[in-house]
Amino acid sequence: MVVVQTPAAHEMIAGHLAQMRHDQRIHVDVSVRFVRLPATFESRASSENSTVARIEQALSSPGGAALIGRGGVICINGQRNFLLSTFVTPIPAAQDSPERAMLRGTVVEARPTVGEDDTTVTLELSIAHYADGEPVEWRAEDTVRCKDGESLLLSGKPGCDPRIVALMTAKIEHMDAVGD
C-alpha cells in the first residue's frame, strides 16, 4: 500500500493498521451445548455459576440432563462469524405426500469483542437448535459478557421449550504474530 499524505495522516493510518493487526491476532472460540433438563430439575433462585455446575452434574448422571446438540465457532475479535452444524437424512414419505428431509443440528452465530483487559468478552449471539420435523426447536439471541473460559447459561426466546437451555463458553486465544 502506498499512501501519499501528510505526516499526521500517515500516523493515523499506521495506528489503524496496527489495531487491525492486533485484532486479527485475537480469536475467540465460542462453544455451545444444548441441554434438555429433566422434568425434576429445579431452577432454584441461586447464582448462575451454581446452576451451571448443577447442570454439568446432571449431564453426567444417569437419567439426568441430556445433551441434544452442540456447536461452536472461532471468530476474529470484532468480526461476526457463524457455523451451521447439521445433517440431513430422508424421511420415508406418506403415500400421499412427497419425500421430505429431516434437518437436525445447531447454528451458532457470534460477534465477540474482547475487553481491553484481554480477560473479558462481550458476545453478540444468535444460536438455535433444529430437531426432527421442527423448523426451530429452540432459539436465543442475546448480548452477553463473560470472563475467558467461563460458562454461561442461556434460556430460549418465549415460546421455546423451557427445559432446553444452552451452556455457552468463550475462550480467548492469542495467535502468534505472523510477519508484520
N, C-alpha and C. Protein backbone atom coordinates (compact mmCIF):
# COMPACT_ATOMS: atom_id res chain seq x y z
N MET A 1 0.85 -1.16 0.00
CA MET A 1 0.00 0.00 0.00
C MET A 1 0.90 1.23 0.00
N VAL A 2 0.63 2.17 -0.87
CA VAL A 2 1.38 3.42 -0.94
C VAL A 2 0.40 4.54 -0.62
N VAL A 3 0.77 5.35 0.36
CA VAL A 3 -0.08 6.46 0.76
C VAL A 3 0.72 7.74 0.65
N VAL A 4 0.23 8.67 -0.13
CA VAL A 4 0.85 9.98 -0.25
C VAL A 4 -0.07 10.94 0.50
N GLN A 5 0.38 11.39 1.67
CA GLN A 5 -0.47 12.18 2.52
C GLN A 5 0.40 12.92 3.52
N THR A 6 -0.21 13.73 4.38
CA THR A 6 0.52 14.48 5.40
C THR A 6 1.06 13.51 6.45
N PRO A 7 2.10 13.94 7.19
CA PRO A 7 2.62 13.08 8.26
C PRO A 7 1.55 12.69 9.29
N ALA A 8 0.64 13.60 9.60
CA ALA A 8 -0.44 13.28 10.57
C ALA A 8 -1.34 12.17 10.03
N ALA A 9 -1.66 12.22 8.75
CA ALA A 9 -2.49 11.17 8.14
C ALA A 9 -1.75 9.85 8.13
N HIS A 10 -0.42 9.88 7.87
CA HIS A 10 0.39 8.65 7.91
C HIS A 10 0.34 8.02 9.30
N GLU A 11 0.44 8.84 10.34
CA GLU A 11 0.38 8.32 11.71
C GLU A 11 -0.98 7.71 12.00
N MET A 12 -2.04 8.35 11.53
CA MET A 12 -3.40 7.82 11.75
C MET A 12 -3.56 6.48 11.02
N ILE A 13 -3.10 6.40 9.79
CA ILE A 13 -3.20 5.15 9.02
C ILE A 13 -2.37 4.05 9.68
N ALA A 14 -1.16 4.40 10.13
CA ALA A 14 -0.31 3.41 10.80
C ALA A 14 -0.99 2.88 12.07
N GLY A 15 -1.66 3.80 12.80
CA GLY A 15 -2.38 3.38 14.01
C GLY A 15 -3.52 2.42 13.68
N HIS A 16 -4.28 2.71 12.63
CA HIS A 16 -5.38 1.82 12.22
C HIS A 16 -4.85 0.46 11.79
N LEU A 17 -3.76 0.45 11.01
CA LEU A 17 -3.19 -0.83 10.57
C LEU A 17 -2.67 -1.64 11.75
N ALA A 18 -2.04 -0.97 12.72
CA ALA A 18 -1.55 -1.67 13.92
C ALA A 18 -2.71 -2.27 14.71
N GLN A 19 -3.82 -1.51 14.84
CA GLN A 19 -5.00 -2.03 15.55
C GLN A 19 -5.59 -3.23 14.82
N MET A 20 -5.65 -3.15 13.48
CA MET A 20 -6.18 -4.28 12.70
C MET A 20 -5.30 -5.51 12.88
N ARG A 21 -3.97 -5.32 12.87
CA ARG A 21 -3.07 -6.47 13.10
C ARG A 21 -3.30 -7.07 14.48
N HIS A 22 -3.45 -6.20 15.48
CA HIS A 22 -3.69 -6.67 16.85
C HIS A 22 -5.00 -7.45 16.93
N ASP A 23 -6.07 -6.90 16.36
CA ASP A 23 -7.38 -7.56 16.41
C ASP A 23 -7.36 -8.91 15.70
N GLN A 24 -6.61 -9.02 14.61
CA GLN A 24 -6.57 -10.28 13.86
C GLN A 24 -5.83 -11.37 14.64
N ARG A 25 -5.02 -10.99 15.60
CA ARG A 25 -4.28 -11.97 16.40
C ARG A 25 -5.11 -12.52 17.56
N ILE A 26 -6.23 -11.88 17.85
CA ILE A 26 -7.08 -12.35 18.95
C ILE A 26 -8.27 -13.09 18.36
N HIS A 27 -8.38 -14.36 18.68
CA HIS A 27 -9.51 -15.18 18.24
C HIS A 27 -10.30 -15.58 19.48
N VAL A 28 -11.59 -15.77 19.30
CA VAL A 28 -12.44 -16.22 20.40
C VAL A 28 -13.15 -17.49 19.95
N ASP A 29 -12.94 -18.57 20.70
CA ASP A 29 -13.58 -19.85 20.42
C ASP A 29 -14.87 -19.91 21.24
N VAL A 30 -16.01 -19.87 20.54
CA VAL A 30 -17.32 -19.88 21.20
C VAL A 30 -17.91 -21.27 21.03
N SER A 31 -18.17 -21.95 22.14
CA SER A 31 -18.79 -23.28 22.05
C SER A 31 -20.11 -23.26 22.80
N VAL A 32 -21.08 -24.00 22.24
CA VAL A 32 -22.43 -24.04 22.82
C VAL A 32 -22.86 -25.49 22.91
N ARG A 33 -23.40 -25.86 24.06
CA ARG A 33 -24.02 -27.18 24.23
C ARG A 33 -25.49 -26.98 24.55
N PHE A 34 -26.35 -27.65 23.79
CA PHE A 34 -27.79 -27.59 24.03
C PHE A 34 -28.16 -28.75 24.92
N VAL A 35 -28.86 -28.46 26.01
CA VAL A 35 -29.16 -29.46 27.04
C VAL A 35 -30.66 -29.47 27.31
N ARG A 36 -31.24 -30.69 27.36
CA ARG A 36 -32.63 -30.84 27.78
C ARG A 36 -32.60 -31.27 29.25
N LEU A 37 -33.16 -30.41 30.11
CA LEU A 37 -33.15 -30.69 31.55
C LEU A 37 -34.25 -31.69 31.88
N PRO A 38 -34.03 -32.53 32.88
CA PRO A 38 -35.08 -33.46 33.28
C PRO A 38 -36.24 -32.69 33.94
N ALA A 39 -37.42 -33.28 33.90
CA ALA A 39 -38.60 -32.64 34.48
C ALA A 39 -38.40 -32.35 35.97
N THR A 40 -37.56 -33.12 36.63
CA THR A 40 -37.35 -32.95 38.07
C THR A 40 -36.34 -31.86 38.40
N PHE A 41 -35.69 -31.28 37.38
CA PHE A 41 -34.67 -30.26 37.61
C PHE A 41 -35.34 -28.97 38.07
N GLU A 42 -34.92 -28.48 39.22
CA GLU A 42 -35.46 -27.23 39.75
C GLU A 42 -34.46 -26.12 39.53
N SER A 43 -34.92 -25.03 38.95
CA SER A 43 -34.03 -23.87 38.80
C SER A 43 -34.22 -22.99 40.03
N ARG A 44 -33.54 -23.37 41.07
CA ARG A 44 -33.62 -22.63 42.34
C ARG A 44 -33.09 -21.21 42.14
N ALA A 45 -33.54 -20.32 42.99
CA ALA A 45 -33.04 -18.94 42.95
C ALA A 45 -31.63 -18.94 43.55
N SER A 46 -30.65 -19.24 42.72
CA SER A 46 -29.26 -19.26 43.17
C SER A 46 -28.42 -18.58 42.11
N SER A 47 -27.14 -18.53 42.34
CA SER A 47 -26.27 -17.88 41.37
C SER A 47 -26.22 -18.69 40.08
N GLU A 48 -25.91 -17.99 38.98
CA GLU A 48 -25.83 -18.66 37.69
C GLU A 48 -24.72 -19.71 37.70
N ASN A 49 -23.59 -19.42 38.38
CA ASN A 49 -22.48 -20.38 38.43
C ASN A 49 -22.90 -21.69 39.09
N SER A 50 -23.69 -21.62 40.16
CA SER A 50 -24.10 -22.86 40.81
C SER A 50 -25.12 -23.60 39.95
N THR A 51 -25.96 -22.88 39.20
CA THR A 51 -26.90 -23.53 38.29
C THR A 51 -26.15 -24.24 37.17
N VAL A 52 -25.13 -23.58 36.61
CA VAL A 52 -24.31 -24.21 35.57
C VAL A 52 -23.65 -25.47 36.13
N ALA A 53 -23.12 -25.40 37.33
CA ALA A 53 -22.48 -26.56 37.95
C ALA A 53 -23.49 -27.70 38.16
N ARG A 54 -24.73 -27.36 38.56
CA ARG A 54 -25.76 -28.39 38.75
C ARG A 54 -26.14 -29.03 37.41
N ILE A 55 -26.18 -28.23 36.34
CA ILE A 55 -26.49 -28.79 35.02
C ILE A 55 -25.36 -29.69 34.56
N GLU A 56 -24.11 -29.27 34.77
CA GLU A 56 -22.95 -30.12 34.42
C GLU A 56 -23.03 -31.45 35.17
N GLN A 57 -23.40 -31.40 36.43
CA GLN A 57 -23.54 -32.62 37.23
C GLN A 57 -24.68 -33.48 36.69
N ALA A 58 -25.79 -32.86 36.32
CA ALA A 58 -26.95 -33.60 35.79
C ALA A 58 -26.60 -34.26 34.45
N LEU A 59 -25.71 -33.64 33.67
CA LEU A 59 -25.29 -34.24 32.40
C LEU A 59 -24.52 -35.54 32.60
N SER A 60 -23.80 -35.64 33.72
CA SER A 60 -23.00 -36.84 33.96
C SER A 60 -23.74 -37.88 34.81
N SER A 61 -25.00 -37.61 35.17
CA SER A 61 -25.77 -38.56 35.97
C SER A 61 -26.70 -39.38 35.08
N PRO A 62 -26.85 -40.68 35.38
CA PRO A 62 -27.82 -41.47 34.62
C PRO A 62 -29.22 -40.92 34.84
N GLY A 63 -29.98 -40.76 33.77
CA GLY A 63 -31.34 -40.24 33.88
C GLY A 63 -31.40 -38.74 34.14
N GLY A 64 -30.24 -38.07 34.06
CA GLY A 64 -30.20 -36.63 34.30
C GLY A 64 -30.46 -35.86 33.02
N ALA A 65 -29.81 -34.75 32.89
CA ALA A 65 -29.97 -33.90 31.71
C ALA A 65 -29.39 -34.61 30.49
N ALA A 66 -29.93 -34.29 29.31
CA ALA A 66 -29.47 -34.93 28.07
C ALA A 66 -28.86 -33.88 27.15
N LEU A 67 -27.68 -34.19 26.63
CA LEU A 67 -27.05 -33.34 25.63
C LEU A 67 -27.76 -33.60 24.31
N ILE A 68 -28.41 -32.56 23.73
CA ILE A 68 -29.16 -32.78 22.50
C ILE A 68 -28.49 -32.16 21.28
N GLY A 69 -27.44 -31.40 21.50
CA GLY A 69 -26.73 -30.81 20.37
C GLY A 69 -25.57 -29.98 20.85
N ARG A 70 -24.66 -29.74 19.94
CA ARG A 70 -23.52 -28.88 20.25
C ARG A 70 -23.05 -28.20 18.99
N GLY A 71 -22.40 -27.09 19.17
CA GLY A 71 -21.85 -26.36 18.05
C GLY A 71 -20.86 -25.34 18.55
N GLY A 72 -20.12 -24.79 17.65
CA GLY A 72 -19.14 -23.79 18.04
C GLY A 72 -18.58 -23.08 16.83
N VAL A 73 -17.93 -21.98 17.10
CA VAL A 73 -17.35 -21.18 16.02
C VAL A 73 -16.15 -20.43 16.57
N ILE A 74 -15.14 -20.27 15.73
CA ILE A 74 -13.97 -19.47 16.09
C ILE A 74 -14.08 -18.16 15.34
N CYS A 75 -14.02 -17.05 16.07
CA CYS A 75 -14.20 -15.72 15.50
C CYS A 75 -12.95 -14.88 15.73
N ILE A 76 -12.66 -13.99 14.79
CA ILE A 76 -11.65 -12.98 14.99
C ILE A 76 -12.29 -11.85 15.79
N ASN A 77 -11.54 -11.31 16.73
CA ASN A 77 -12.05 -10.24 17.59
C ASN A 77 -12.73 -9.16 16.75
N GLY A 78 -13.99 -8.86 17.10
CA GLY A 78 -14.72 -7.79 16.45
C GLY A 78 -15.43 -8.18 15.17
N GLN A 79 -15.22 -9.41 14.69
CA GLN A 79 -15.85 -9.82 13.43
C GLN A 79 -16.89 -10.91 13.67
N ARG A 80 -17.97 -10.84 12.92
CA ARG A 80 -19.06 -11.82 13.03
C ARG A 80 -18.70 -13.06 12.23
N ASN A 81 -19.02 -14.22 12.79
CA ASN A 81 -18.82 -15.49 12.11
C ASN A 81 -19.93 -16.44 12.54
N PHE A 82 -20.19 -17.47 11.74
CA PHE A 82 -21.22 -18.42 12.12
C PHE A 82 -20.84 -19.82 11.66
N LEU A 83 -21.49 -20.80 12.28
CA LEU A 83 -21.32 -22.20 11.92
C LEU A 83 -22.69 -22.84 11.90
N LEU A 84 -22.97 -23.54 10.83
CA LEU A 84 -24.19 -24.33 10.73
C LEU A 84 -23.74 -25.77 10.77
N SER A 85 -24.09 -26.47 11.82
CA SER A 85 -23.68 -27.86 12.00
C SER A 85 -24.93 -28.72 11.93
N THR A 86 -25.17 -29.31 10.75
CA THR A 86 -26.40 -30.07 10.57
C THR A 86 -26.15 -31.35 9.81
N PHE A 87 -27.13 -32.20 9.81
CA PHE A 87 -27.15 -33.32 8.87
C PHE A 87 -28.57 -33.47 8.36
N VAL A 88 -28.68 -33.95 7.16
CA VAL A 88 -29.98 -34.10 6.52
C VAL A 88 -30.13 -35.56 6.12
N THR A 89 -31.23 -36.17 6.49
CA THR A 89 -31.50 -37.55 6.09
C THR A 89 -32.92 -37.63 5.55
N PRO A 90 -33.15 -38.50 4.57
CA PRO A 90 -34.51 -38.62 4.06
C PRO A 90 -35.42 -39.31 5.07
N ILE A 91 -36.66 -38.87 5.10
CA ILE A 91 -37.69 -39.50 5.94
C ILE A 91 -38.65 -40.18 4.99
N PRO A 92 -39.02 -41.44 5.24
CA PRO A 92 -39.98 -42.10 4.35
C PRO A 92 -41.26 -41.29 4.26
N ALA A 93 -41.71 -41.08 3.05
CA ALA A 93 -42.90 -40.25 2.83
C ALA A 93 -44.17 -41.06 3.00
N ALA A 94 -45.20 -40.37 3.43
CA ALA A 94 -46.52 -40.99 3.45
C ALA A 94 -46.92 -41.19 1.98
N GLN A 95 -47.83 -42.08 1.72
CA GLN A 95 -48.18 -42.38 0.33
C GLN A 95 -48.73 -41.17 -0.40
N ASP A 96 -49.37 -40.26 0.32
CA ASP A 96 -49.99 -39.12 -0.36
C ASP A 96 -49.14 -37.85 -0.32
N SER A 97 -47.92 -37.91 0.20
CA SER A 97 -47.08 -36.71 0.24
C SER A 97 -45.68 -37.03 -0.26
N PRO A 98 -45.01 -36.05 -0.85
CA PRO A 98 -43.67 -36.30 -1.36
C PRO A 98 -42.67 -36.50 -0.22
N GLU A 99 -41.54 -37.07 -0.55
CA GLU A 99 -40.49 -37.28 0.46
C GLU A 99 -39.99 -35.93 0.95
N ARG A 100 -39.72 -35.84 2.23
CA ARG A 100 -39.18 -34.60 2.78
C ARG A 100 -37.88 -34.93 3.51
N ALA A 101 -37.13 -33.92 3.83
CA ALA A 101 -35.85 -34.12 4.51
C ALA A 101 -35.98 -33.74 5.98
N MET A 102 -35.13 -34.31 6.78
CA MET A 102 -35.09 -34.03 8.21
C MET A 102 -33.83 -33.23 8.49
N LEU A 103 -33.98 -32.05 9.01
CA LEU A 103 -32.85 -31.20 9.35
C LEU A 103 -32.64 -31.26 10.85
N ARG A 104 -31.42 -31.54 11.25
CA ARG A 104 -31.07 -31.56 12.67
C ARG A 104 -29.76 -30.84 12.84
N GLY A 105 -29.58 -30.20 13.95
CA GLY A 105 -28.28 -29.61 14.22
C GLY A 105 -28.37 -28.28 14.92
N THR A 106 -27.29 -27.53 14.81
CA THR A 106 -27.18 -26.28 15.54
C THR A 106 -26.67 -25.17 14.64
N VAL A 107 -27.03 -23.97 15.01
CA VAL A 107 -26.50 -22.78 14.37
C VAL A 107 -25.93 -21.90 15.47
N VAL A 108 -24.69 -21.49 15.31
CA VAL A 108 -24.07 -20.59 16.27
C VAL A 108 -23.53 -19.41 15.47
N GLU A 109 -24.02 -18.22 15.78
CA GLU A 109 -23.52 -17.00 15.15
C GLU A 109 -23.05 -16.09 16.26
N ALA A 110 -21.83 -15.58 16.15
CA ALA A 110 -21.28 -14.77 17.23
C ALA A 110 -20.43 -13.63 16.69
N ARG A 111 -20.42 -12.54 17.43
CA ARG A 111 -19.51 -11.43 17.17
C ARG A 111 -18.91 -11.05 18.51
N PRO A 112 -17.66 -11.48 18.76
CA PRO A 112 -17.02 -11.18 20.05
C PRO A 112 -16.26 -9.86 20.02
N THR A 113 -16.25 -9.20 21.16
CA THR A 113 -15.41 -8.03 21.36
C THR A 113 -14.66 -8.28 22.66
N VAL A 114 -13.35 -8.45 22.55
CA VAL A 114 -12.52 -8.71 23.72
C VAL A 114 -12.25 -7.39 24.43
N GLY A 115 -12.40 -7.39 25.75
CA GLY A 115 -12.17 -6.19 26.54
C GLY A 115 -10.70 -5.79 26.54
N GLU A 116 -10.43 -4.55 26.91
CA GLU A 116 -9.06 -4.06 26.94
C GLU A 116 -8.19 -4.85 27.91
N ASP A 117 -8.81 -5.48 28.91
CA ASP A 117 -8.05 -6.27 29.88
C ASP A 117 -7.67 -7.65 29.34
N ASP A 118 -8.15 -8.01 28.14
CA ASP A 118 -7.90 -9.31 27.49
C ASP A 118 -8.40 -10.50 28.31
N THR A 119 -9.30 -10.27 29.27
CA THR A 119 -9.84 -11.38 30.06
C THR A 119 -11.36 -11.46 30.01
N THR A 120 -12.01 -10.47 29.40
CA THR A 120 -13.46 -10.49 29.28
C THR A 120 -13.87 -10.37 27.82
N VAL A 121 -15.04 -10.93 27.52
CA VAL A 121 -15.55 -10.91 26.15
C VAL A 121 -17.02 -10.48 26.19
N THR A 122 -17.39 -9.59 25.31
CA THR A 122 -18.80 -9.27 25.08
C THR A 122 -19.18 -9.95 23.78
N LEU A 123 -20.22 -10.78 23.82
CA LEU A 123 -20.63 -11.56 22.66
C LEU A 123 -22.03 -11.19 22.21
N GLU A 124 -22.15 -10.85 20.94
CA GLU A 124 -23.47 -10.74 20.33
C GLU A 124 -23.74 -12.13 19.78
N LEU A 125 -24.78 -12.79 20.29
CA LEU A 125 -25.06 -14.18 19.94
C LEU A 125 -26.41 -14.37 19.29
N SER A 126 -26.45 -15.30 18.37
CA SER A 126 -27.71 -15.81 17.85
C SER A 126 -27.47 -17.31 17.72
N ILE A 127 -28.21 -18.10 18.48
CA ILE A 127 -28.00 -19.55 18.47
C ILE A 127 -29.34 -20.25 18.33
N ALA A 128 -29.31 -21.41 17.72
CA ALA A 128 -30.55 -22.16 17.53
C ALA A 128 -30.24 -23.64 17.47
N HIS A 129 -31.24 -24.44 17.83
CA HIS A 129 -31.15 -25.89 17.72
C HIS A 129 -32.33 -26.38 16.89
N TYR A 130 -32.04 -27.18 15.88
CA TYR A 130 -33.06 -27.73 14.99
C TYR A 130 -33.25 -29.20 15.36
N ALA A 131 -34.50 -29.63 15.48
CA ALA A 131 -34.79 -31.01 15.84
C ALA A 131 -35.62 -31.66 14.74
N ASP A 132 -35.83 -32.97 14.86
CA ASP A 132 -36.60 -33.72 13.87
C ASP A 132 -37.95 -33.07 13.60
N GLY A 133 -38.19 -32.79 12.34
CA GLY A 133 -39.52 -32.35 11.93
C GLY A 133 -39.96 -30.98 12.40
N GLU A 134 -39.12 -30.25 13.11
CA GLU A 134 -39.49 -28.91 13.57
C GLU A 134 -38.54 -27.91 12.93
N PRO A 135 -39.04 -26.77 12.46
CA PRO A 135 -38.13 -25.81 11.84
C PRO A 135 -37.06 -25.33 12.83
N VAL A 136 -37.48 -24.89 14.00
CA VAL A 136 -36.53 -24.49 15.05
C VAL A 136 -37.11 -24.97 16.36
N GLU A 137 -36.36 -25.82 17.06
CA GLU A 137 -36.84 -26.31 18.35
C GLU A 137 -36.58 -25.29 19.46
N TRP A 138 -35.44 -24.59 19.35
CA TRP A 138 -35.02 -23.70 20.42
C TRP A 138 -34.19 -22.58 19.81
N ARG A 139 -34.35 -21.35 20.32
CA ARG A 139 -33.61 -20.23 19.75
C ARG A 139 -33.38 -19.16 20.80
N ALA A 140 -32.23 -18.50 20.71
CA ALA A 140 -31.93 -17.37 21.60
C ALA A 140 -31.10 -16.34 20.85
N GLU A 141 -31.33 -15.10 21.16
CA GLU A 141 -30.49 -14.00 20.68
C GLU A 141 -30.23 -13.13 21.88
N ASP A 142 -28.96 -12.81 22.10
CA ASP A 142 -28.62 -12.05 23.30
C ASP A 142 -27.24 -11.43 23.12
N THR A 143 -26.95 -10.44 23.94
CA THR A 143 -25.60 -9.91 24.08
C THR A 143 -25.20 -10.20 25.51
N VAL A 144 -24.12 -10.96 25.66
CA VAL A 144 -23.67 -11.38 27.00
C VAL A 144 -22.22 -10.98 27.20
N ARG A 145 -21.86 -10.86 28.45
CA ARG A 145 -20.48 -10.55 28.82
C ARG A 145 -20.00 -11.66 29.74
N CYS A 146 -18.82 -12.18 29.45
CA CYS A 146 -18.29 -13.25 30.30
C CYS A 146 -16.78 -13.14 30.40
N LYS A 147 -16.24 -13.87 31.34
CA LYS A 147 -14.80 -13.96 31.51
C LYS A 147 -14.26 -15.08 30.62
N ASP A 148 -13.00 -15.00 30.30
CA ASP A 148 -12.34 -16.01 29.48
C ASP A 148 -12.53 -17.39 30.11
N GLY A 149 -13.13 -18.32 29.35
CA GLY A 149 -13.31 -19.69 29.80
C GLY A 149 -14.52 -19.92 30.69
N GLU A 150 -15.26 -18.88 31.02
CA GLU A 150 -16.43 -19.01 31.89
C GLU A 150 -17.62 -19.56 31.11
N SER A 151 -18.41 -20.43 31.76
CA SER A 151 -19.63 -20.95 31.14
C SER A 151 -20.83 -20.13 31.58
N LEU A 152 -21.68 -19.82 30.61
CA LEU A 152 -22.91 -19.07 30.88
C LEU A 152 -24.11 -19.91 30.50
N LEU A 153 -25.22 -19.62 31.12
CA LEU A 153 -26.47 -20.31 30.85
C LEU A 153 -27.38 -19.38 30.07
N LEU A 154 -27.90 -19.85 28.92
CA LEU A 154 -28.81 -19.05 28.12
C LEU A 154 -30.15 -19.75 28.04
N SER A 155 -31.22 -19.00 28.23
CA SER A 155 -32.58 -19.52 28.08
C SER A 155 -33.10 -19.12 26.72
N GLY A 156 -34.06 -19.89 26.21
CA GLY A 156 -34.61 -19.62 24.90
C GLY A 156 -35.59 -18.46 24.89
N LYS A 157 -35.93 -18.04 23.68
CA LYS A 157 -36.94 -16.99 23.50
C LYS A 157 -38.28 -17.49 24.01
N PRO A 158 -39.20 -16.58 24.30
CA PRO A 158 -40.55 -17.01 24.71
C PRO A 158 -41.14 -17.94 23.65
N GLY A 159 -41.80 -18.97 24.12
CA GLY A 159 -42.37 -19.97 23.22
C GLY A 159 -41.49 -21.19 23.05
N CYS A 160 -40.21 -21.09 23.42
CA CYS A 160 -39.31 -22.24 23.34
C CYS A 160 -39.54 -23.15 24.55
N ASP A 161 -39.18 -24.40 24.39
CA ASP A 161 -39.29 -25.36 25.49
C ASP A 161 -38.41 -24.88 26.65
N PRO A 162 -38.99 -24.58 27.82
CA PRO A 162 -38.20 -24.05 28.93
C PRO A 162 -37.23 -25.06 29.53
N ARG A 163 -37.42 -26.35 29.20
CA ARG A 163 -36.48 -27.36 29.72
C ARG A 163 -35.20 -27.42 28.89
N ILE A 164 -35.17 -26.74 27.74
CA ILE A 164 -33.95 -26.70 26.93
C ILE A 164 -33.20 -25.42 27.25
N VAL A 165 -31.91 -25.56 27.54
CA VAL A 165 -31.05 -24.42 27.81
C VAL A 165 -29.77 -24.60 27.00
N ALA A 166 -29.01 -23.53 26.89
CA ALA A 166 -27.72 -23.59 26.21
C ALA A 166 -26.64 -23.20 27.20
N LEU A 167 -25.59 -24.02 27.24
CA LEU A 167 -24.40 -23.69 28.03
C LEU A 167 -23.38 -23.15 27.03
N MET A 168 -22.97 -21.91 27.20
CA MET A 168 -22.07 -21.25 26.27
C MET A 168 -20.76 -20.93 26.97
N THR A 169 -19.64 -21.16 26.29
CA THR A 169 -18.32 -20.86 26.81
C THR A 169 -17.53 -20.11 25.75
N ALA A 170 -16.82 -19.07 26.14
CA ALA A 170 -15.96 -18.32 25.22
C ALA A 170 -14.52 -18.41 25.73
N LYS A 171 -13.63 -18.80 24.85
CA LYS A 171 -12.20 -18.93 25.20
C LYS A 171 -11.40 -18.00 24.30
N ILE A 172 -10.64 -17.10 24.90
CA ILE A 172 -9.82 -16.14 24.16
C ILE A 172 -8.50 -16.82 23.80
N GLU A 173 -8.10 -16.71 22.53
CA GLU A 173 -6.84 -17.29 22.07
C GLU A 173 -6.03 -16.21 21.37
N HIS A 174 -4.78 -16.07 21.78
CA HIS A 174 -3.87 -15.10 21.14
C HIS A 174 -3.01 -15.88 20.14
N MET A 175 -3.12 -15.51 18.89
CA MET A 175 -2.35 -16.18 17.84
C MET A 175 -0.97 -15.56 17.77
N ASP A 176 0.03 -16.35 17.38
CA ASP A 176 1.39 -15.83 17.24
C ASP A 176 1.44 -14.81 16.11
N ALA A 177 2.31 -13.85 16.27
CA ALA A 177 2.48 -12.83 15.22
C ALA A 177 3.02 -13.50 13.96
N VAL A 178 2.42 -13.14 12.85
CA VAL A 178 2.85 -13.68 11.57
C VAL A 178 3.27 -12.49 10.72
N GLY A 179 4.55 -12.36 10.47
CA GLY A 179 5.14 -11.31 9.62
C GLY A 179 4.41 -9.99 9.59
N ASP A 180 4.91 -9.01 10.29
CA ASP A 180 4.28 -7.68 10.30
C ASP A 180 4.63 -6.93 9.04
